Amino acid sequence: MKSAVFAAIFALSSAVHAVDTPSEAPAARVDRVGKARQAIAGKDWNLAVRELQAAVRESPQDADAHNLLGYSYRKRANPDLAKSFEHYGIALKINPNHKGAHEYIGEAYLLQGKPAEAEMHLVKLEQICGGRTCEEYQDLARSISEWKAKR
């Protein structure tokens, strides 16, 4: 009798499980960051912003997506520096050693005429990179130098 009850419960639970289990594998997640990188390469800033907004909604702890979103806001024909700083800040909160975010926020500070703030991020890049050899350090150093030469 006990075995009959267990067999009935097992059969019932199997049937319930089969109803709840999807018959198909879920569709592959859209690679929004990949699409955004393509849009950035083509300088389609509006498409990049749309894809990256969706990416950060789906993965709010993705420092790269936040960094690229800040970059895309900054590169638009009408830059939105407030949004740029917001997303660079989020990227740096998620990953304080994010080299790209330090480079790009430094460049954003130069657009605001704040070289001292840009230089603080240059110092941080030197620490992160273990010297002055990484690309992000060199790019920001060049941007600061060019900004100062124009003044």
C-alpha atoms as a PDB file:
ATOM      1  CA  MET A   1       0.000   0.000   0.000  1.00  0.00           C
ATOM      2  CA  LYS A   2       2.799   2.404   0.937  1.00  0.00           C
ATOM      3  CA  SER A   3       4.564   1.779  -2.341  1.00  0.00           C
ATOM      4  CA  ALA A   4       1.338   2.404  -4.260  1.00  0.00           C
ATOM      5  CA  VAL A   5       0.885   5.796  -2.529  1.00  0.00           C
ATOM      6  CA  PHE A   6       4.498   6.784  -3.258  1.00  0.00           C
ATOM      7  CA  ALA A   7       4.104   5.671  -6.887  1.00  0.00           C
ATOM      8  CA  ALA A   8       0.948   7.786  -7.233  1.00  0.00           C
ATOM      9  CA  ILE A   9       2.622  10.845  -5.662  1.00  0.00           C
ATOM     10  CA  PHE A  10       5.679  10.407  -7.890  1.00  0.00           C
ATOM     11  CA  ALA A  11       3.527  10.092 -11.014  1.00  0.00           C
ATOM     12  CA  LEU A  12       1.508  13.164 -10.059  1.00  0.00           C
ATOM     13  CA  SER A  13       4.618  15.250  -9.302  1.00  0.00           C
ATOM     14  CA  SER A  14       6.186  14.211 -12.603  1.00  0.00           C
ATOM     15  CA  ALA A  15       3.086  15.292 -14.489  1.00  0.00           C
ATOM     16  CA  VAL A  16       3.004  18.646 -12.707  1.00  0.00           C
ATOM     17  CA  HIS A  17       6.679  19.206 -13.381  1.00  0.00           C
ATOM     18  CA  ALA A  18       6.210  18.431 -17.066  1.00  0.00           C
ATOM     19  CA  VAL A  19       3.474  21.068 -17.341  1.00  0.00           C
ATOM     20  CA  ASP A  20       5.649  23.710 -15.635  1.00  0.00           C
ATOM     21  CA  THR A  21       8.784  22.963 -17.624  1.00  0.00           C
ATOM     22  CA  PRO A  22       9.082  24.848 -20.902  1.00  0.00           C
ATOM     23  CA  SER A  23       9.433  22.573 -23.888  1.00  0.00           C
ATOM     24  CA  GLU A  24      11.952  24.851 -25.597  1.00  0.00           C
ATOM     25  CA  ALA A  25      15.171  26.372 -24.344  1.00  0.00           C
ATOM     26  CA  PRO A  26      14.824  30.108 -23.681  1.00  0.00           C
ATOM     27  CA  ALA A  27      15.849  32.337 -26.552  1.00  0.00           C
ATOM     28  CA  ALA A  28      19.444  33.500 -26.413  1.00  0.00           C
ATOM     29  CA  ARG A  29      19.824  36.873 -24.720  1.00  0.00           C
ATOM     30  CA  VAL A  30      20.405  39.723 -27.072  1.00  0.00           C
ATOM     31  CA  ASP A  31      24.008  40.919 -27.005  1.00  0.00           C
ATOM     32  CA  ARG A  32      23.119  44.561 -26.426  1.00  0.00           C
ATOM     33  CA  VAL A  33      26.651  45.615 -25.523  1.00  0.00           C
ATOM     34  CA  GLY A  34      27.935  44.004 -28.719  1.00  0.00           C
ATOM     35  CA  LYS A  35      25.302  45.838 -30.761  1.00  0.00           C
ATOM     36  CA  ALA A  36      26.174  49.057 -28.953  1.00  0.00           C
ATOM     37  CA  ARG A  37      29.878  48.602 -29.750  1.00  0.00           C
ATOM     38  CA  GLN A  38      28.956  48.267 -33.429  1.00  0.00           C
ATOM     39  CA  ALA A  39      26.833  51.418 -33.192  1.00  0.00           C
ATOM     40  CA  ILE A  40      29.729  53.238 -31.475  1.00  0.00           C
ATOM     41  CA  ALA A  41      32.096  52.142 -34.233  1.00  0.00           C
ATOM     42  CA  GLY A  42      29.640  53.641 -36.730  1.00  0.00           C
ATOM     43  CA  LYS A  43      29.193  56.756 -34.560  1.00  0.00           C
ATOM     44  CA  ASP A  44      25.476  56.029 -34.219  1.00  0.00           C
ATOM     45  CA  TRP A  45      25.297  57.435 -30.709  1.00  0.00           C
ATOM     46  CA  ASN A  46      21.498  57.282 -30.418  1.00  0.00           C
ATOM     47  CA  LEU A  47      21.400  53.562 -31.248  1.00  0.00           C
ATOM     48  CA  ALA A  48      24.306  52.963 -28.859  1.00  0.00           C
ATOM     49  CA  VAL A  49      22.457  54.784 -26.075  1.00  0.00           C
ATOM     50  CA  ARG A  50      19.265  52.769 -26.672  1.00  0.00           C
ATOM     51  CA  GLU A  51      21.105  49.439 -26.647  1.00  0.00           C
ATOM     52  CA  LEU A  52      23.138  50.352 -23.579  1.00  0.00           C
ATOM     53  CA  GLN A  53      20.106  51.632 -21.675  1.00  0.00           C
ATOM     54  CA  ALA A  54      18.524  48.226 -22.262  1.00  0.00           C
ATOM     55  CA  ALA A  55      21.784  46.502 -21.295  1.00  0.00           C
ATOM     56  CA  VAL A  56      22.000  48.285 -17.934  1.00  0.00           C
ATOM     57  CA  ARG A  57      18.327  47.532 -17.240  1.00  0.00           C
ATOM     58  CA  GLU A  58      19.043  43.840 -17.861  1.00  0.00           C
ATOM     59  CA  SER A  59      22.411  43.831 -16.046  1.00  0.00           C
ATOM     60  CA  PRO A  60      22.620  46.820 -13.707  1.00  0.00           C
ATOM     61  CA  GLN A  61      25.998  45.687 -12.317  1.00  0.00           C
ATOM     62  CA  ASP A  62      27.736  45.685 -15.727  1.00  0.00           C
ATOM     63  CA  ALA A  63      30.475  48.299 -15.354  1.00  0.00           C
ATOM     64  CA  ASP A  64      31.413  48.082 -19.040  1.00  0.00           C
ATOM     65  CA  ALA A  65      27.842  48.838 -20.143  1.00  0.00           C
ATOM     66  CA  HIS A  66      27.646  51.844 -17.795  1.00  0.00           C
ATOM     67  CA  ASN A  67      31.021  53.103 -19.009  1.00  0.00           C
ATOM     68  CA  LEU A  68      30.022  52.815 -22.665  1.00  0.00           C
ATOM     69  CA  LEU A  69      26.681  54.458 -21.934  1.00  0.00           C
ATOM     70  CA  GLY A  70      28.474  57.410 -20.364  1.00  0.00           C
ATOM     71  CA  TYR A  71      30.782  57.557 -23.387  1.00  0.00           C
ATOM     72  CA  SER A  72      27.854  57.473 -25.815  1.00  0.00           C
ATOM     73  CA  TYR A  73      26.029  60.263 -23.982  1.00  0.00           C
ATOM     74  CA  ARG A  74      29.219  62.333 -24.138  1.00  0.00           C
ATOM     75  CA  LYS A  75      29.819  61.720 -27.844  1.00  0.00           C
ATOM     76  CA  ARG A  76      26.325  62.695 -29.043  1.00  0.00           C
ATOM     77  CA  ALA A  77      25.931  65.816 -31.198  1.00  0.00           C
ATOM     78  CA  ASN A  78      24.435  67.444 -28.086  1.00  0.00           C
ATOM     79  CA  PRO A  79      26.455  65.842 -25.273  1.00  0.00           C
ATOM     80  CA  ASP A  80      24.633  65.064 -22.050  1.00  0.00           C
ATOM     81  CA  LEU A  81      27.499  65.403 -19.594  1.00  0.00           C
ATOM     82  CA  ALA A  82      25.249  64.954 -16.570  1.00  0.00           C
ATOM     83  CA  LYS A  83      24.234  61.499 -17.842  1.00  0.00           C
ATOM     84  CA  SER A  84      27.847  60.764 -18.788  1.00  0.00           C
ATOM     85  CA  PHE A  85      29.078  61.530 -15.291  1.00  0.00           C
ATOM     86  CA  GLU A  86      26.210  59.526 -13.789  1.00  0.00           C
ATOM     87  CA  HIS A  87      27.136  56.380 -15.709  1.00  0.00           C
ATOM     88  CA  TYR A  88      30.903  56.774 -15.338  1.00  0.00           C
ATOM     89  CA  GLY A  89      30.260  57.116 -11.600  1.00  0.00           C
ATOM     90  CA  ILE A  90      28.190  53.940 -11.538  1.00  0.00           C
ATOM     91  CA  ALA A  91      30.879  52.080 -13.489  1.00  0.00           C
ATOM     92  CA  LEU A  92      33.521  53.230 -10.997  1.00  0.00           C
ATOM     93  CA  LYS A  93      31.332  52.312  -8.043  1.00  0.00           C
ATOM     94  CA  ILE A  94      30.944  48.795  -9.469  1.00  0.00           C
ATOM     95  CA  ASN A  95      34.630  48.565 -10.404  1.00  0.00           C
ATOM     96  CA  PRO A  96      36.853  51.274  -8.874  1.00  0.00           C
ATOM     97  CA  ASN A  97      39.742  50.124 -11.108  1.00  0.00           C
ATOM     98  CA  HIS A  98      37.867  50.346 -14.408  1.00  0.00           C
ATOM     99  CA  LYS A  99      40.527  51.860 -16.664  1.00  0.00           C
ATOM    100  CA  GLY A 100      38.118  52.927 -19.405  1.00  0.00           C
ATOM    101  CA  ALA A 101      35.837  54.743 -16.974  1.00  0.00           C
ATOM    102  CA  HIS A 102      38.794  56.638 -15.481  1.00  0.00           C
ATOM    103  CA  GLU A 103      39.962  57.670 -18.954  1.00  0.00           C
ATOM    104  CA  TYR A 104      36.521  58.747 -20.139  1.00  0.00           C
ATOM    105  CA  ILE A 105      35.504  60.599 -16.994  1.00  0.00           C
ATOM    106  CA  GLY A 106      38.805  62.463 -17.206  1.00  0.00           C
ATOM    107  CA  GLU A 107      37.973  63.479 -20.777  1.00  0.00           C
ATOM    108  CA  ALA A 108      34.510  64.586 -19.643  1.00  0.00           C
ATOM    109  CA  TYR A 109      36.093  66.773 -16.966  1.00  0.00           C
ATOM    110  CA  LEU A 110      38.181  68.432 -19.666  1.00  0.00           C
ATOM    111  CA  LEU A 111      34.971  69.286 -21.547  1.00  0.00           C
ATOM    112  CA  GLN A 112      33.845  71.034 -18.378  1.00  0.00           C
ATOM    113  CA  GLY A 113      37.146  72.911 -18.136  1.00  0.00           C
ATOM    114  CA  LYS A 114      38.267  70.994 -15.030  1.00  0.00           C
ATOM    115  CA  PRO A 115      41.787  69.714 -15.756  1.00  0.00           C
ATOM    116  CA  ALA A 116      42.597  69.148 -12.075  1.00  0.00           C
ATOM    117  CA  GLU A 117      39.811  66.562 -11.846  1.00  0.00           C
ATOM    118  CA  ALA A 118      41.027  64.934 -15.075  1.00  0.00           C
ATOM    119  CA  GLU A 119      44.547  64.756 -13.647  1.00  0.00           C
ATOM    120  CA  MET A 120      43.238  62.995 -10.527  1.00  0.00           C
ATOM    121  CA  HIS A 121      41.948  60.229 -12.779  1.00  0.00           C
ATOM    122  CA  LEU A 122      45.267  60.187 -14.641  1.00  0.00           C
ATOM    123  CA  VAL A 123      47.041  59.550 -11.324  1.00  0.00           C
ATOM    124  CA  LYS A 124      44.569  56.771 -10.552  1.00  0.00           C
ATOM    125  CA  LEU A 125      45.242  55.217 -13.967  1.00  0.00           C
ATOM    126  CA  GLU A 126      48.982  55.283 -13.297  1.00  0.00           C
ATOM    127  CA  GLN A 127      48.347  53.378 -10.057  1.00  0.00           C
ATOM    128  CA  ILE A 128      46.000  50.865 -11.693  1.00  0.00           C
ATOM    129  CA  CYS A 129      48.279  50.293 -14.674  1.00  0.00           C
ATOM    130  CA  GLY A 130      51.447  50.078 -12.599  1.00  0.00           C
ATOM    131  CA  GLY A 131      52.978  52.887 -14.602  1.00  0.00           C
ATOM    132  CA  ARG A 132      52.351  55.020 -17.621  1.00  0.00           C
ATOM    133  CA  THR A 133      52.293  52.323 -20.250  1.00  0.00           C
ATOM    134  CA  CYS A 134      48.608  51.385 -20.520  1.00  0.00           C
ATOM    135  CA  GLU A 135      46.584  52.779 -23.386  1.00  0.00           C
ATOM    136  CA  GLU A 136      44.004  54.476 -21.142  1.00  0.00           C
ATOM    137  CA  TYR A 137      46.730  56.375 -19.267  1.00  0.00           C
ATOM    138  CA  GLN A 138      48.398  57.468 -22.502  1.00  0.00           C
ATOM    139  CA  ASP A 139      45.104  58.556 -24.099  1.00  0.00           C
ATOM    140  CA  LEU A 140      44.055  60.647 -21.096  1.00  0.00           C
ATOM    141  CA  ALA A 141      47.553  62.140 -20.734  1.00  0.00           C
ATOM    142  CA  ARG A 142      47.441  63.151 -24.409  1.00  0.00           C
ATOM    143  CA  SER A 143      43.948  64.658 -23.995  1.00  0.00           C
ATOM    144  CA  ILE A 144      45.087  66.685 -20.972  1.00  0.00           C
ATOM    145  CA  SER A 145      48.192  67.873 -22.811  1.00  0.00           C
ATOM    146  CA  GLU A 146      46.161  68.914 -25.862  1.00  0.00           C
ATOM    147  CA  TRP A 147      43.578  70.651 -23.659  1.00  0.00           C
ATOM    148  CA  LYS A 148      46.306  72.644 -21.885  1.00  0.00           C
ATOM    149  CA  ALA A 149      48.004  73.550 -25.183  1.00  0.00           C
ATOM    150  CA  LYS A 150      44.768  75.201 -26.356  1.00  0.00           C
ATOM    151  CA  ARG A 151      44.586  77.421 -23.270  1.00  0.00           C
END
